[in-house]
N, C-alpha and C. Protein backbone atom coordinates (compact mmCIF):
# COMPACT_ATOMS: atom_id res chain seq x y z
N MET A 1 -12.72 -16.65 -15.48
CA MET A 1 -13.35 -15.80 -14.42
C MET A 1 -12.64 -15.96 -13.08
N PRO A 2 -12.26 -17.12 -12.64
CA PRO A 2 -11.64 -17.27 -11.33
C PRO A 2 -10.38 -16.40 -11.26
N VAL A 3 -9.63 -16.30 -12.31
CA VAL A 3 -8.42 -15.50 -12.29
C VAL A 3 -8.74 -14.04 -12.12
N VAL A 4 -9.77 -13.56 -12.83
CA VAL A 4 -10.13 -12.20 -12.71
C VAL A 4 -10.66 -11.85 -11.33
N VAL A 5 -11.42 -12.73 -10.74
CA VAL A 5 -11.91 -12.51 -9.38
C VAL A 5 -10.78 -12.46 -8.36
N THR A 6 -9.85 -13.37 -8.56
CA THR A 6 -8.71 -13.44 -7.64
C THR A 6 -7.80 -12.16 -7.80
N GLN A 7 -7.52 -11.80 -9.01
CA GLN A 7 -6.72 -10.64 -9.26
C GLN A 7 -7.36 -9.31 -8.72
N LEU A 8 -8.71 -9.23 -8.76
CA LEU A 8 -9.36 -8.03 -8.35
C LEU A 8 -9.88 -8.16 -6.98
N GLU A 9 -9.44 -9.16 -6.27
CA GLU A 9 -9.71 -9.39 -4.89
C GLU A 9 -11.23 -9.44 -4.55
N GLY A 10 -12.05 -9.98 -5.43
CA GLY A 10 -13.39 -10.19 -5.24
C GLY A 10 -14.28 -8.92 -5.29
N ASP A 11 -13.75 -7.80 -5.67
CA ASP A 11 -14.44 -6.52 -5.66
C ASP A 11 -15.40 -6.54 -6.91
N SER A 12 -16.67 -6.67 -6.67
CA SER A 12 -17.59 -6.78 -7.79
C SER A 12 -17.63 -5.63 -8.72
N ARG A 13 -17.50 -4.39 -8.16
CA ARG A 13 -17.47 -3.22 -8.99
C ARG A 13 -16.28 -3.24 -10.02
N LYS A 14 -15.12 -3.65 -9.53
CA LYS A 14 -13.92 -3.71 -10.37
C LYS A 14 -14.07 -4.87 -11.40
N ILE A 15 -14.67 -5.94 -10.96
CA ILE A 15 -14.88 -7.10 -11.85
C ILE A 15 -15.82 -6.68 -13.02
N ARG A 16 -16.94 -6.07 -12.67
CA ARG A 16 -17.86 -5.58 -13.73
C ARG A 16 -17.21 -4.64 -14.67
N GLN A 17 -16.41 -3.68 -14.14
CA GLN A 17 -15.76 -2.71 -15.02
C GLN A 17 -14.72 -3.40 -15.90
N SER A 18 -13.96 -4.35 -15.38
CA SER A 18 -12.97 -5.02 -16.17
C SER A 18 -13.60 -5.88 -17.30
N ILE A 19 -14.73 -6.53 -17.00
CA ILE A 19 -15.41 -7.32 -18.05
C ILE A 19 -16.03 -6.35 -19.05
N PHE A 20 -16.64 -5.24 -18.65
CA PHE A 20 -17.18 -4.26 -19.55
C PHE A 20 -16.11 -3.71 -20.49
N TRP A 21 -15.03 -3.13 -19.92
CA TRP A 21 -14.04 -2.49 -20.74
C TRP A 21 -13.19 -3.55 -21.56
N GLY A 22 -13.02 -4.76 -20.96
CA GLY A 22 -12.37 -5.80 -21.69
C GLY A 22 -13.12 -6.27 -22.92
N SER A 23 -14.42 -6.05 -22.94
CA SER A 23 -15.27 -6.38 -24.09
C SER A 23 -15.51 -5.21 -24.98
N ALA A 24 -15.61 -4.02 -24.37
CA ALA A 24 -15.92 -2.81 -25.19
C ALA A 24 -14.78 -2.38 -26.03
N ILE A 25 -13.60 -2.39 -25.51
CA ILE A 25 -12.42 -1.91 -26.32
C ILE A 25 -12.19 -2.75 -27.54
N PRO A 26 -12.18 -4.12 -27.49
CA PRO A 26 -12.06 -4.94 -28.72
C PRO A 26 -13.23 -4.59 -29.70
N LEU A 27 -14.50 -4.44 -29.12
CA LEU A 27 -15.64 -4.22 -29.98
C LEU A 27 -15.43 -2.90 -30.75
N ILE A 28 -14.97 -1.85 -30.06
CA ILE A 28 -14.79 -0.57 -30.72
C ILE A 28 -13.66 -0.68 -31.77
N MET A 29 -12.62 -1.39 -31.51
CA MET A 29 -11.55 -1.63 -32.52
C MET A 29 -12.05 -2.41 -33.76
N PHE A 30 -12.92 -3.38 -33.42
CA PHE A 30 -13.47 -4.20 -34.53
C PHE A 30 -14.35 -3.34 -35.43
N LEU A 31 -15.25 -2.59 -34.78
CA LEU A 31 -16.16 -1.71 -35.53
C LEU A 31 -15.39 -0.61 -36.34
N ALA A 32 -14.33 -0.06 -35.71
CA ALA A 32 -13.56 0.91 -36.47
C ALA A 32 -12.89 0.30 -37.65
N TRP A 33 -12.30 -0.92 -37.43
CA TRP A 33 -11.68 -1.59 -38.58
C TRP A 33 -12.64 -1.90 -39.76
N ASN A 34 -13.84 -2.31 -39.39
CA ASN A 34 -14.81 -2.58 -40.42
C ASN A 34 -15.27 -1.26 -41.11
N ALA A 35 -15.35 -0.15 -40.36
CA ALA A 35 -15.65 1.08 -40.97
C ALA A 35 -14.62 1.52 -41.98
N VAL A 36 -13.36 1.29 -41.62
CA VAL A 36 -12.25 1.71 -42.51
C VAL A 36 -12.26 0.86 -43.71
N ILE A 37 -12.45 -0.41 -43.59
CA ILE A 37 -12.41 -1.34 -44.77
C ILE A 37 -13.61 -1.06 -45.67
N LEU A 38 -14.88 -0.95 -45.07
CA LEU A 38 -15.99 -0.65 -45.92
C LEU A 38 -16.00 0.76 -46.51
N GLY A 39 -15.36 1.67 -45.79
CA GLY A 39 -15.27 3.03 -46.35
C GLY A 39 -14.22 3.13 -47.46
N SER A 40 -13.39 2.13 -47.56
CA SER A 40 -12.37 2.22 -48.65
C SER A 40 -12.80 1.59 -49.97
N VAL A 41 -14.00 0.88 -49.93
CA VAL A 41 -14.46 0.29 -51.12
C VAL A 41 -15.24 1.32 -51.97
N THR A 42 -14.78 1.45 -53.20
CA THR A 42 -15.47 2.43 -54.09
C THR A 42 -16.63 1.73 -54.83
N PRO A 43 -17.59 2.47 -55.23
CA PRO A 43 -18.75 1.92 -55.89
C PRO A 43 -18.38 1.15 -57.22
N ASP A 44 -17.43 1.59 -57.90
CA ASP A 44 -17.06 0.95 -59.17
C ASP A 44 -16.45 -0.48 -58.88
N VAL A 45 -15.83 -0.69 -57.75
CA VAL A 45 -15.31 -1.99 -57.42
C VAL A 45 -16.50 -2.92 -57.19
N VAL A 46 -17.53 -2.43 -56.44
CA VAL A 46 -18.69 -3.26 -56.13
C VAL A 46 -19.49 -3.52 -57.41
N GLN A 47 -19.64 -2.59 -58.24
CA GLN A 47 -20.48 -2.84 -59.45
C GLN A 47 -19.74 -3.75 -60.43
N ASN A 48 -18.52 -3.66 -60.55
CA ASN A 48 -17.73 -4.51 -61.51
C ASN A 48 -17.47 -5.87 -60.95
N GLY A 49 -17.70 -6.08 -59.65
CA GLY A 49 -17.51 -7.43 -59.08
C GLY A 49 -16.05 -7.85 -59.07
N VAL A 50 -15.17 -6.86 -59.05
CA VAL A 50 -13.73 -7.14 -59.04
C VAL A 50 -13.29 -7.64 -57.69
N ASN A 51 -12.48 -8.69 -57.66
CA ASN A 51 -11.83 -9.16 -56.50
C ASN A 51 -10.79 -8.16 -56.05
N PHE A 52 -10.81 -7.72 -54.80
CA PHE A 52 -9.85 -6.74 -54.36
C PHE A 52 -9.35 -7.10 -52.97
N ASP A 53 -8.20 -6.53 -52.59
CA ASP A 53 -7.61 -6.76 -51.23
C ASP A 53 -7.71 -5.42 -50.52
N PRO A 54 -8.61 -5.20 -49.61
CA PRO A 54 -8.77 -3.96 -48.99
C PRO A 54 -7.48 -3.60 -48.14
N LEU A 55 -6.85 -4.51 -47.61
CA LEU A 55 -5.60 -4.25 -46.87
C LEU A 55 -4.54 -3.68 -47.76
N GLN A 56 -4.45 -4.26 -48.90
CA GLN A 56 -3.44 -3.74 -49.92
C GLN A 56 -3.78 -2.33 -50.37
N ILE A 57 -5.05 -2.00 -50.50
CA ILE A 57 -5.53 -0.66 -50.90
C ILE A 57 -5.15 0.31 -49.75
N LEU A 58 -5.37 -0.11 -48.46
CA LEU A 58 -5.04 0.83 -47.41
C LEU A 58 -3.53 0.97 -47.28
N ARG A 59 -2.74 -0.07 -47.43
CA ARG A 59 -1.29 0.00 -47.29
C ARG A 59 -0.75 0.89 -48.42
N ALA A 60 -1.33 0.86 -49.61
CA ALA A 60 -0.84 1.57 -50.66
C ALA A 60 -1.16 3.08 -50.63
N GLY A 61 -1.95 3.43 -49.58
CA GLY A 61 -2.32 4.88 -49.47
C GLY A 61 -3.50 5.30 -50.11
N GLY A 62 -4.37 4.32 -50.50
CA GLY A 62 -5.63 4.65 -51.21
C GLY A 62 -6.61 5.46 -50.34
N ALA A 63 -6.47 5.36 -49.03
CA ALA A 63 -7.36 6.12 -48.14
C ALA A 63 -6.52 7.29 -47.49
N GLY A 64 -5.37 7.52 -47.88
CA GLY A 64 -4.53 8.56 -47.28
C GLY A 64 -3.16 7.93 -46.82
N GLU A 65 -2.13 8.75 -46.92
CA GLU A 65 -0.82 8.27 -46.60
C GLU A 65 -0.63 7.83 -45.11
N TRP A 66 -1.18 8.71 -44.20
CA TRP A 66 -1.08 8.34 -42.79
C TRP A 66 -1.83 7.19 -42.44
N LEU A 67 -2.97 6.95 -42.96
CA LEU A 67 -3.77 5.71 -42.68
C LEU A 67 -3.03 4.53 -43.20
N GLY A 68 -2.35 4.60 -44.37
CA GLY A 68 -1.60 3.49 -44.96
C GLY A 68 -0.47 3.12 -44.01
N LEU A 69 0.21 4.16 -43.45
CA LEU A 69 1.32 3.95 -42.52
C LEU A 69 0.81 3.32 -41.28
N LEU A 70 -0.24 3.79 -40.74
CA LEU A 70 -0.79 3.21 -39.44
C LEU A 70 -1.23 1.80 -39.70
N VAL A 71 -1.82 1.51 -40.80
CA VAL A 71 -2.29 0.12 -41.07
C VAL A 71 -1.05 -0.86 -41.16
N SER A 72 0.02 -0.36 -41.72
CA SER A 72 1.24 -1.14 -41.85
C SER A 72 1.88 -1.40 -40.50
N ILE A 73 1.94 -0.34 -39.71
CA ILE A 73 2.51 -0.47 -38.39
C ILE A 73 1.66 -1.45 -37.50
N PHE A 74 0.28 -1.24 -37.56
CA PHE A 74 -0.58 -2.12 -36.82
C PHE A 74 -0.41 -3.61 -37.27
N SER A 75 -0.28 -3.80 -38.56
CA SER A 75 -0.12 -5.22 -39.08
C SER A 75 1.17 -5.81 -38.59
N GLU A 76 2.25 -5.06 -38.56
CA GLU A 76 3.54 -5.52 -38.09
C GLU A 76 3.43 -5.87 -36.60
N PHE A 77 2.82 -5.03 -35.78
CA PHE A 77 2.66 -5.31 -34.40
C PHE A 77 1.80 -6.51 -34.15
N ALA A 78 0.73 -6.64 -34.97
CA ALA A 78 -0.15 -7.80 -34.78
C ALA A 78 0.60 -9.12 -35.06
N MET A 79 1.52 -9.08 -36.02
CA MET A 79 2.36 -10.31 -36.30
C MET A 79 3.36 -10.54 -35.25
N ALA A 80 4.00 -9.49 -34.77
CA ALA A 80 5.11 -9.61 -33.81
C ALA A 80 4.58 -10.06 -32.42
N PHE A 81 3.41 -9.63 -32.07
CA PHE A 81 2.94 -9.90 -30.68
C PHE A 81 1.79 -10.91 -30.71
N ARG A 82 1.70 -11.77 -31.71
CA ARG A 82 0.61 -12.73 -31.71
C ARG A 82 0.88 -13.85 -30.66
N PRO A 83 -0.21 -14.46 -30.19
CA PRO A 83 0.02 -15.51 -29.23
C PRO A 83 0.74 -16.70 -29.82
N ALA A 84 1.50 -17.37 -28.96
CA ALA A 84 2.27 -18.52 -29.47
C ALA A 84 1.37 -19.74 -29.77
């Protein structure tokens, strides 16, 4: 928090906005990711109790070619820009 306050020069409106958006954006990304994963599970997989890899299904294009490509690109960027 001290770094945020210093960077935003103590402006409480900017601090509140930065904390709100800094929390809201990752939350939205997390909920979207869960929706994609849960939406890609077919009822027969759940009923049969088969172990499956949802990421592999998405990469293979099980939910559409473009989504598979976007998941692959996102995964590569996540690995390339991970914290040290």
